[in-house]
Each structure stands twice: as structure tokens, then as C-alpha cells.
N, C-alpha and C. Protein backbone atom coordinates (compact mmCIF):
# COMPACT_ATOMS: atom_id res chain seq x y z
N MET A 1 65.90 -28.02 16.45
CA MET A 1 64.64 -28.36 15.48
C MET A 1 63.86 -27.52 15.05
N GLU A 2 63.83 -26.37 14.27
CA GLU A 2 62.89 -25.46 14.25
C GLU A 2 61.40 -26.53 14.05
N ASN A 3 60.51 -25.88 14.52
CA ASN A 3 58.73 -26.58 14.65
C ASN A 3 58.34 -25.58 14.08
N THR A 4 56.51 -26.20 13.67
CA THR A 4 55.70 -24.69 13.07
C THR A 4 54.62 -25.18 14.06
N LEU A 5 53.82 -24.29 14.48
CA LEU A 5 52.88 -24.48 14.86
C LEU A 5 51.68 -23.53 14.11
N THR A 6 51.09 -24.20 13.98
CA THR A 6 49.64 -23.49 13.24
C THR A 6 48.23 -23.20 13.92
N ILE A 7 47.49 -22.78 14.13
CA ILE A 7 46.69 -22.48 14.47
C ILE A 7 44.93 -22.56 13.85
N THR A 8 43.76 -22.91 13.96
CA THR A 8 42.51 -22.82 13.36
C THR A 8 41.47 -22.23 14.05
N PHE A 9 41.42 -21.53 13.11
CA PHE A 9 40.25 -20.34 12.59
C PHE A 9 39.67 -20.07 11.63
N ASP A 10 37.91 -19.39 12.01
CA ASP A 10 36.95 -19.52 10.71
C ASP A 10 37.45 -17.96 10.17
N ALA A 11 37.45 -17.41 9.48
CA ALA A 11 37.30 -16.33 9.13
C ALA A 11 35.66 -16.13 8.21
N ILE A 12 34.79 -15.34 9.15
CA ILE A 12 33.47 -14.95 8.39
C ILE A 12 33.62 -13.50 7.85
N GLU A 13 32.82 -13.63 6.67
CA GLU A 13 33.25 -12.88 5.54
C GLU A 13 32.57 -11.00 6.27
N SER A 14 31.66 -11.20 6.79
CA SER A 14 30.83 -9.98 7.40
C SER A 14 29.79 -10.35 8.29
N TYR A 15 29.18 -9.07 8.53
CA TYR A 15 28.08 -9.36 9.35
C TYR A 15 27.02 -10.38 9.06
N ASP A 16 26.93 -10.22 7.66
CA ASP A 16 25.48 -10.56 6.84
C ASP A 16 25.82 -11.53 7.34
N HIS A 17 27.11 -11.93 7.31
CA HIS A 17 27.12 -13.69 7.17
C HIS A 17 26.89 -14.51 8.76
N LEU A 18 26.55 -13.84 10.07
CA LEU A 18 26.58 -14.38 11.65
C LEU A 18 25.23 -14.97 10.99
N ASP A 19 25.03 -15.89 12.67
CA ASP A 19 23.74 -16.32 12.41
C ASP A 19 22.97 -15.35 13.75
N ALA A 20 21.85 -15.61 13.59
CA ALA A 20 20.86 -14.85 14.78
C ALA A 20 21.82 -14.29 16.21
N THR A 21 22.21 -15.46 16.66
CA THR A 21 22.92 -15.13 17.66
C THR A 21 23.84 -14.67 17.86
N GLU A 22 24.46 -15.01 16.63
CA GLU A 22 26.29 -14.20 16.93
C GLU A 22 25.94 -12.76 16.12
N LYS A 23 25.15 -12.38 15.60
CA LYS A 23 24.51 -10.94 15.52
C LYS A 23 24.13 -10.06 16.29
N LYS A 24 23.50 -11.10 17.58
CA LYS A 24 23.15 -10.38 18.75
C LYS A 24 24.26 -10.14 19.80
N LEU A 25 25.48 -10.26 19.46
CA LEU A 25 26.53 -10.76 20.58
C LEU A 25 26.94 -9.13 19.83
N PHE A 26 27.23 -9.80 18.01
CA PHE A 26 27.57 -8.29 17.87
C PHE A 26 27.29 -6.64 17.92
N ASP A 27 26.28 -6.70 17.68
CA ASP A 27 25.73 -5.60 18.15
C ASP A 27 25.67 -5.71 19.88
N THR A 28 25.57 -6.00 20.55
CA THR A 28 25.87 -6.14 21.74
C THR A 28 27.08 -5.60 22.25
N ALA A 29 27.96 -6.18 21.57
CA ALA A 29 29.64 -5.51 21.71
C ALA A 29 29.72 -4.30 21.06
N LYS A 30 28.80 -4.61 20.15
CA LYS A 30 29.04 -2.59 19.02
C LYS A 30 28.69 -1.74 20.59
N ASN A 31 27.40 -1.78 20.72
CA ASN A 31 26.73 -1.07 21.87
C ASN A 31 27.65 -0.98 22.90
N ILE A 32 28.12 -1.59 23.47
CA ILE A 32 28.57 -1.71 24.74
C ILE A 32 29.90 -0.60 24.27
N ARG A 33 30.34 -0.78 23.16
CA ARG A 33 32.17 -0.83 23.06
C ARG A 33 31.79 1.69 23.23
N GLU A 34 30.58 1.82 22.06
CA GLU A 34 30.47 3.02 22.66
C GLU A 34 30.05 3.66 24.19
N ILE A 35 29.75 2.81 24.85
CA ILE A 35 30.12 3.91 26.35
C ILE A 35 31.89 3.50 27.05
N ALA A 36 32.58 3.14 26.42
CA ALA A 36 33.76 3.06 26.88
C ALA A 36 34.43 3.58 27.14
N TYR A 37 35.02 3.62 28.87
CA TYR A 37 35.59 4.89 29.25
C TYR A 37 37.04 4.88 29.03
N ALA A 38 37.92 6.12 28.30
CA ALA A 38 38.78 5.48 27.18
C ALA A 38 39.76 6.89 26.59
N PRO A 39 39.37 7.94 27.37
CA PRO A 39 39.88 9.65 27.43
C PRO A 39 41.23 9.40 27.26
N TYR A 40 42.09 8.09 27.21
CA TYR A 40 43.80 8.44 27.09
C TYR A 40 44.35 7.55 25.57
N SER A 41 43.89 6.24 26.00
CA SER A 41 44.10 6.11 24.23
C SER A 41 43.05 6.09 23.04
N ASN A 42 42.06 6.37 23.39
CA ASN A 42 41.19 6.60 22.32
C ASN A 42 40.92 4.98 21.41
N PHE A 43 40.88 4.27 22.23
CA PHE A 43 40.67 3.30 21.96
C PHE A 43 39.80 2.24 22.57
N THR A 44 38.50 2.21 21.97
CA THR A 44 37.13 1.29 22.60
C THR A 44 37.01 0.25 22.25
N VAL A 45 36.51 -0.57 23.37
CA VAL A 45 36.40 -2.02 22.91
C VAL A 45 35.11 -2.32 24.05
N GLY A 46 34.20 -3.22 23.18
CA GLY A 46 33.34 -4.13 23.31
C GLY A 46 33.15 -5.25 23.82
N CYS A 47 32.40 -5.84 24.41
CA CYS A 47 32.91 -7.09 24.73
C CYS A 47 31.23 -7.84 25.54
N ALA A 48 31.16 -8.97 24.36
CA ALA A 48 29.79 -9.42 24.77
C ALA A 48 29.64 -11.18 25.29
N VAL A 49 29.46 -11.47 26.41
CA VAL A 49 29.42 -12.98 26.31
C VAL A 49 28.72 -13.36 26.78
N LEU A 50 28.32 -14.89 26.34
CA LEU A 50 27.09 -15.09 25.57
C LEU A 50 26.83 -16.54 26.97
N LEU A 51 26.25 -16.57 28.27
CA LEU A 51 26.12 -17.96 28.66
C LEU A 51 25.58 -18.95 28.98
N GLU A 52 26.14 -20.03 29.18
CA GLU A 52 25.18 -20.93 29.17
C GLU A 52 23.31 -21.64 29.45
N ASN A 53 22.80 -20.36 29.83
CA ASN A 53 21.80 -19.85 30.61
C ASN A 53 21.08 -18.87 29.46
N GLY A 54 21.59 -19.03 28.34
CA GLY A 54 21.13 -17.46 27.43
C GLY A 54 21.61 -16.64 27.42
N GLU A 55 21.70 -16.18 29.14
CA GLU A 55 22.02 -14.57 29.31
C GLU A 55 23.02 -14.09 28.52
N ILE A 56 23.24 -12.48 28.05
CA ILE A 56 24.16 -12.24 27.53
C ILE A 56 24.69 -10.54 28.65
N ILE A 57 26.54 -11.58 29.03
CA ILE A 57 26.78 -10.18 29.79
C ILE A 57 27.71 -8.88 28.95
N SER A 58 27.54 -8.16 29.33
CA SER A 58 28.71 -7.01 28.38
C SER A 58 29.58 -6.46 29.16
N GLY A 59 30.89 -5.76 28.07
CA GLY A 59 31.93 -4.72 29.69
C GLY A 59 32.08 -4.26 28.01
N SER A 60 33.28 -2.93 29.11
CA SER A 60 33.93 -2.08 28.34
C SER A 60 35.00 -2.00 28.75
N ASN A 61 35.75 -1.37 27.54
CA ASN A 61 37.13 -0.57 28.29
C ASN A 61 37.43 0.27 29.13
N GLN A 62 37.82 -0.22 29.89
CA GLN A 62 38.00 1.37 31.67
C GLN A 62 39.34 1.74 31.50
N GLU A 63 39.90 2.44 30.67
CA GLU A 63 41.26 3.42 31.38
C GLU A 63 40.76 3.78 32.77
N ASN A 64 42.21 4.34 33.64
CA ASN A 64 42.57 5.04 34.04
C ASN A 64 44.32 6.36 33.88
N ALA A 65 43.56 6.96 34.65
CA ALA A 65 45.52 7.44 34.19
C ALA A 65 46.76 7.08 35.09
N ALA A 66 46.52 6.13 36.38
CA ALA A 66 47.22 5.25 36.86
C ALA A 66 47.43 3.94 36.44
N TYR A 67 47.99 4.07 34.94
CA TYR A 67 48.16 2.82 34.30
C TYR A 67 48.97 2.03 34.86
N PRO A 68 48.58 0.76 35.21
CA PRO A 68 47.99 0.04 34.45
C PRO A 68 46.69 -0.20 34.85
N SER A 69 45.90 0.59 36.07
CA SER A 69 44.66 0.59 36.60
C SER A 69 42.73 0.54 36.35
N GLY A 70 43.68 0.55 35.00
CA GLY A 70 42.53 0.23 33.72
C GLY A 70 42.08 -1.40 34.04
N LEU A 71 41.04 -1.30 32.98
CA LEU A 71 40.62 -2.95 32.61
C LEU A 71 39.71 -2.86 31.10
N CYS A 72 40.45 -3.99 30.56
CA CYS A 72 39.79 -4.35 29.97
C CYS A 72 38.38 -5.29 29.23
N ALA A 73 38.25 -4.22 27.97
CA ALA A 73 36.46 -5.04 28.24
C ALA A 73 36.13 -7.04 28.54
N GLU A 74 36.95 -7.53 28.40
CA GLU A 74 37.02 -8.69 28.13
C GLU A 74 36.65 -9.62 29.36
N ARG A 75 37.52 -8.31 30.65
CA ARG A 75 37.80 -8.70 31.40
C ARG A 75 37.18 -8.12 32.35
N THR A 76 36.50 -6.96 32.06
CA THR A 76 35.82 -6.17 33.17
C THR A 76 34.35 -7.11 32.75
N ALA A 77 33.88 -8.40 31.64
CA ALA A 77 32.79 -8.85 31.31
C ALA A 77 33.10 -10.32 32.26
N ILE A 78 34.00 -11.39 31.82
CA ILE A 78 34.45 -12.43 32.37
C ILE A 78 34.08 -12.18 33.81
N PHE A 79 35.14 -11.09 34.51
CA PHE A 79 35.45 -10.92 36.44
C PHE A 79 33.96 -10.87 36.62
N TRP A 80 32.60 -10.16 35.85
CA TRP A 80 31.86 -10.18 36.56
C TRP A 80 30.93 -10.80 36.80
N ILE A 81 30.99 -11.69 35.50
CA ILE A 81 30.36 -13.43 35.44
C ILE A 81 31.01 -14.02 36.74
N GLY A 82 31.93 -13.89 36.72
CA GLY A 82 32.75 -15.07 38.21
C GLY A 82 32.44 -14.37 38.83
N ALA A 83 31.59 -13.40 39.75
CA ALA A 83 31.34 -13.08 41.11
C ALA A 83 29.85 -13.16 41.09
N ASN A 84 28.62 -12.85 39.51
CA ASN A 84 27.54 -12.69 39.89
C ASN A 84 27.10 -14.43 39.19
N PHE A 85 27.63 -15.40 38.76
CA PHE A 85 27.60 -16.69 37.90
C PHE A 85 28.67 -17.77 37.98
N PRO A 86 29.31 -17.69 38.83
CA PRO A 86 30.31 -19.11 39.19
C PRO A 86 29.82 -19.87 38.84
N ASP A 87 28.64 -20.74 38.42
CA ASP A 87 28.81 -22.16 38.02
C ASP A 87 28.01 -22.23 36.82
N VAL A 88 27.70 -20.94 35.79
CA VAL A 88 27.21 -20.84 34.46
C VAL A 88 28.09 -20.36 33.39
N LYS A 89 28.20 -21.86 32.86
CA LYS A 89 29.46 -21.64 31.27
C LYS A 89 29.57 -20.57 29.98
N ILE A 90 30.50 -19.88 30.24
CA ILE A 90 30.98 -19.49 29.12
C ILE A 90 30.79 -20.78 27.79
N LYS A 91 29.76 -19.59 27.38
CA LYS A 91 29.84 -20.49 25.56
C LYS A 91 30.28 -19.91 24.31
N LYS A 92 30.20 -17.92 24.19
CA LYS A 92 31.22 -17.57 23.52
C LYS A 92 31.58 -16.15 23.71
N LEU A 93 32.45 -15.77 23.22
CA LEU A 93 32.72 -14.02 23.95
C LEU A 93 32.88 -13.55 22.61
N PHE A 94 32.67 -12.22 22.41
CA PHE A 94 32.40 -11.35 20.87
C PHE A 94 33.25 -10.05 21.09
N VAL A 95 34.52 -9.86 20.28
CA VAL A 95 34.90 -8.38 20.82
C VAL A 95 34.90 -7.60 20.02
N ILE A 96 34.87 -6.50 19.91
CA ILE A 96 34.56 -5.86 19.23
C ILE A 96 35.82 -4.06 19.73
N GLY A 97 36.84 -3.79 18.38
CA GLY A 97 37.75 -2.48 18.86
C GLY A 97 37.92 -2.22 18.02
N ALA A 98 38.47 -0.96 18.65
CA ALA A 98 39.08 0.23 17.20
C ALA A 98 39.03 1.45 17.38
N PRO A 99 40.62 1.94 16.94
CA PRO A 99 40.02 3.48 17.65
C PRO A 99 38.87 4.39 17.54
N ARG A 100 38.73 5.19 18.73
CA ARG A 100 37.26 5.77 18.82
C ARG A 100 36.78 6.66 17.24
N GLU A 101 37.85 7.29 16.65
CA GLU A 101 37.64 7.78 15.52
C GLU A 101 38.10 7.56 14.38
N ALA A 102 39.06 6.97 14.20
CA ALA A 102 40.30 6.29 12.82
C ALA A 102 39.64 5.04 13.11
N LEU A 103 37.86 4.62 11.97
CA LEU A 103 37.88 3.32 12.67
C LEU A 103 38.79 2.27 11.67
N SER A 104 38.65 0.59 12.25
CA SER A 104 39.44 -0.07 11.31
C SER A 104 38.59 -1.47 10.65
N SER A 105 39.12 -1.93 9.13
CA SER A 105 38.67 -3.03 9.67
C SER A 105 38.58 -4.33 9.17
N VAL A 106 40.29 -4.22 10.18
CA VAL A 106 41.14 -5.45 10.79
C VAL A 106 40.78 -6.25 12.08
N PRO A 107 40.47 -7.01 12.40
CA PRO A 107 40.07 -7.77 13.90
C PRO A 107 40.33 -7.89 14.24
N ILE A 108 39.95 -6.73 15.86
CA ILE A 108 40.90 -6.81 16.72
C ILE A 108 40.35 -8.13 17.78
N PRO A 109 42.18 -9.03 18.62
CA PRO A 109 41.45 -9.71 19.19
C PRO A 109 42.41 -9.29 20.30
N PRO A 110 41.64 -10.10 21.34
CA PRO A 110 41.98 -9.49 22.17
C PRO A 110 43.24 -9.79 23.49
N CYS A 111 43.80 -8.40 24.27
CA CYS A 111 45.38 -8.86 24.55
C CYS A 111 46.11 -9.84 25.24
N GLY A 112 47.09 -9.99 25.84
CA GLY A 112 47.54 -11.42 26.26
C GLY A 112 46.91 -11.90 27.42
N ALA A 113 46.56 -10.32 28.15
CA ALA A 113 46.31 -10.61 29.69
C ALA A 113 44.88 -10.99 29.42
N CYS A 114 44.34 -10.51 28.49
CA CYS A 114 42.73 -11.02 28.02
C CYS A 114 42.54 -12.58 27.98
N ARG A 115 43.71 -13.03 27.90
CA ARG A 115 44.03 -13.85 26.51
C ARG A 115 44.14 -15.26 28.00
N GLN A 116 44.99 -14.95 28.64
CA GLN A 116 44.62 -15.68 29.72
C GLN A 116 43.58 -15.60 30.69
N SER A 117 43.34 -14.83 30.88
CA SER A 117 41.77 -15.24 31.69
C SER A 117 40.54 -15.45 31.28
N ILE A 118 40.99 -15.03 30.03
CA ILE A 118 39.37 -16.02 29.36
C ILE A 118 40.01 -17.82 29.36
N LEU A 119 41.10 -18.43 29.27
CA LEU A 119 41.62 -19.44 30.04
C LEU A 119 41.50 -20.29 30.73
N GLU A 120 41.93 -18.86 31.65
CA GLU A 120 41.16 -19.60 33.44
C GLU A 120 40.10 -19.71 33.78
N TYR A 121 39.41 -19.24 32.64
CA TYR A 121 37.38 -19.56 33.00
C TYR A 121 36.89 -21.13 31.86
N GLU A 122 38.23 -20.64 30.74
CA GLU A 122 37.45 -22.27 29.74
C GLU A 122 38.51 -23.44 30.34
N SER A 123 39.38 -22.88 31.29
CA SER A 123 39.92 -24.04 32.08
C SER A 123 39.16 -24.98 33.70
N LYS A 124 38.81 -23.75 34.02
CA LYS A 124 37.74 -24.14 34.93
C LYS A 124 36.44 -24.69 34.62
N GLN A 125 35.45 -24.50 33.54
CA GLN A 125 35.06 -25.14 33.30
C GLN A 125 34.64 -26.20 32.34
N GLN A 126 35.49 -26.75 32.15
CA GLN A 126 36.41 -27.58 31.67
C GLN A 126 35.38 -28.06 30.02
N ASP A 127 35.43 -26.28 29.40
CA ASP A 127 34.67 -26.96 27.94
C ASP A 127 35.54 -25.38 27.39
N GLU A 128 35.54 -25.72 26.12
CA GLU A 128 35.73 -24.38 25.66
C GLU A 128 34.65 -23.14 25.37
N ILE A 129 35.48 -22.39 24.89
CA ILE A 129 34.62 -21.00 25.10
C ILE A 129 34.96 -20.65 23.14
N GLU A 130 34.20 -19.99 22.76
CA GLU A 130 34.05 -19.80 21.39
C GLU A 130 34.32 -18.41 21.03
N VAL A 131 35.23 -17.99 20.58
CA VAL A 131 36.03 -16.57 20.70
C VAL A 131 35.75 -15.99 19.60
N TYR A 132 35.57 -14.84 18.88
CA TYR A 132 35.21 -13.69 18.09
C TYR A 132 35.95 -13.10 18.26
N PHE A 133 36.25 -12.55 17.21
CA PHE A 133 37.10 -10.33 17.23
C PHE A 133 36.93 -10.11 16.20
N ALA A 134 36.35 -8.72 16.10
CA ALA A 134 36.16 -7.90 14.64
C ALA A 134 36.28 -6.60 15.17
N SER A 135 36.60 -5.98 14.39
CA SER A 135 36.08 -4.22 14.15
C SER A 135 34.62 -4.38 13.88
N LEU A 136 34.50 -3.06 13.27
CA LEU A 136 33.11 -2.45 13.21
C LEU A 136 32.76 -2.99 11.98
N ASP A 137 32.94 -3.29 10.81
CA ASP A 137 33.14 -3.85 10.03
C ASP A 137 34.02 -4.85 9.06
N GLY A 138 33.89 -5.58 8.15
CA GLY A 138 34.55 -6.17 7.67
C GLY A 138 34.85 -7.26 7.98
N ALA A 139 35.92 -8.44 8.27
CA ALA A 139 35.85 -9.39 8.27
C ALA A 139 35.57 -10.29 9.94
N ILE A 140 35.49 -11.48 10.53
CA ILE A 140 34.96 -11.58 11.72
C ILE A 140 36.17 -12.65 12.01
N TYR A 141 36.42 -12.93 12.64
CA TYR A 141 37.18 -13.69 13.24
C TYR A 141 37.21 -14.65 14.45
N LYS A 142 36.67 -16.62 13.84
CA LYS A 142 35.93 -16.91 15.30
C LYS A 142 37.27 -18.29 15.37
N THR A 143 37.36 -18.65 16.82
CA THR A 143 38.08 -19.54 16.96
C THR A 143 36.92 -20.78 17.77
N LYS A 144 37.64 -22.06 18.32
CA LYS A 144 36.70 -22.89 18.71
C LYS A 144 37.26 -22.97 20.26
N SER A 145 38.44 -22.69 20.84
CA SER A 145 39.11 -21.75 21.77
C SER A 145 39.84 -21.00 21.84
N ILE A 146 40.51 -20.24 23.63
CA ILE A 146 40.98 -19.06 23.12
C ILE A 146 42.38 -19.81 23.61
N ARG A 147 42.41 -21.26 23.66
CA ARG A 147 43.94 -22.05 23.36
C ARG A 147 44.81 -21.76 22.31
N ASP A 148 43.14 -21.38 20.80
CA ASP A 148 44.23 -21.17 19.75
C ASP A 148 44.70 -19.97 19.86
N LEU A 149 44.48 -19.01 20.25
CA LEU A 149 45.42 -17.70 20.48
C LEU A 149 45.95 -17.80 21.09
N LEU A 150 46.05 -18.89 22.00
CA LEU A 150 47.34 -18.81 23.23
C LEU A 150 47.69 -19.76 22.85
N PRO A 151 48.74 -20.57 22.07
CA PRO A 151 49.14 -21.46 22.31
C PRO A 151 50.33 -21.39 23.24
N PHE A 152 51.39 -22.69 23.81
CA PHE A 152 52.08 -23.13 25.16
C PHE A 152 50.94 -22.69 26.11
N SER A 153 49.97 -22.44 26.33
CA SER A 153 49.51 -21.78 27.70
C SER A 153 49.64 -22.57 28.35
N PHE A 154 49.42 -21.51 29.70
CA PHE A 154 49.83 -21.98 31.03
C PHE A 154 48.59 -22.10 32.05
N ASP A 155 48.27 -23.40 32.71
CA ASP A 155 47.24 -22.88 33.26
C ASP A 155 47.39 -24.05 34.62
N ALA A 156 46.36 -23.54 35.97
CA ALA A 156 46.94 -24.80 36.62
C ALA A 156 47.30 -25.69 36.89
N SER A 157 47.40 -26.47 35.38
CA SER A 157 47.93 -28.01 35.43
C SER A 157 49.97 -28.17 35.32
N TYR A 158 50.02 -26.84 35.30
CA TYR A 158 51.16 -26.69 35.62
C TYR A 158 51.87 -26.04 37.26
N LEU A 159 50.69 -26.06 37.97
CA LEU A 159 50.84 -25.34 39.85
C LEU A 159 51.14 -26.96 40.54
């Protein structure tokens, strides 16, 4: 029997439709993206994370000639948070990605490995993390939880 699965997300028309906090996260992700180390793919990603204590932590993708030794922007940021703020909840995570030269207006979502890593933190803190993803211009997509982007997710409850 075939079933249908739907997800819920908000499509925010543009940067101008973000609130002040969301604009700060967008700007932080955009700025950190500019210093991403991506000499092989030339696909640069920035991530800004809002913690419950009000701090914003950022990360950019870091590639390596010995694939897959690099790390995505999202995991760079959240692993740093886990090491330095292990008991502080993540409230919002904002990702901006695009090819370095050929900019895209399509929102770029977290990859599968990043979705799984975000899920781990969401499960650990027992509170949803709002996930925003965008390119440098155009629409911005927002989900209330990473579970919206990772249906049939695998977490510690299966172990």
C-alpha cells in the first residue's frame, strides 16, 4: 500500500521579510561563508546558530584533499557548541550555501549527515531547533524542527 508523507515549512519571500534576529543570523551565516575553505568544490556554506543564552556561533565548510576528511558548516558550528556549551540549547540554525562564483537563488538545505547531526542535538536537548536555509538572494525556507527535513529519522530511541 502506497502512503504519502508531507512536511511543513515556511517560505519567507526574501531577506526583507525576516525579523531582526533572523536578519542577524542571515548576515552572520553570509559573512562566515565568505571565508569558507572550499578549494575543491568551490561551494561555500556558512552557518549561524542562535543559542538560548543569546550567543551566536558560526561555522563554515572546511574541505580537505583527503575526501571525506572535510566538515560541513553546520557540523563545524554545532560540534563546537557541543564542546564549549554542552548544556546550552540551540534555538535556531541558519544555513546559506552557494557556488562561490555562480550564485544560486535556490535555498540550499543541510546535507544528510548534517541533518542527522542536528537531529542528535535536538534529541539531546529535548527541544526543537528551527532550521532556516537559503542562498544569498531569493526565498528562505524555515522548518520548526530538523525532523521536518529528516522523516523516518534514526535516533537513540532505536538503540
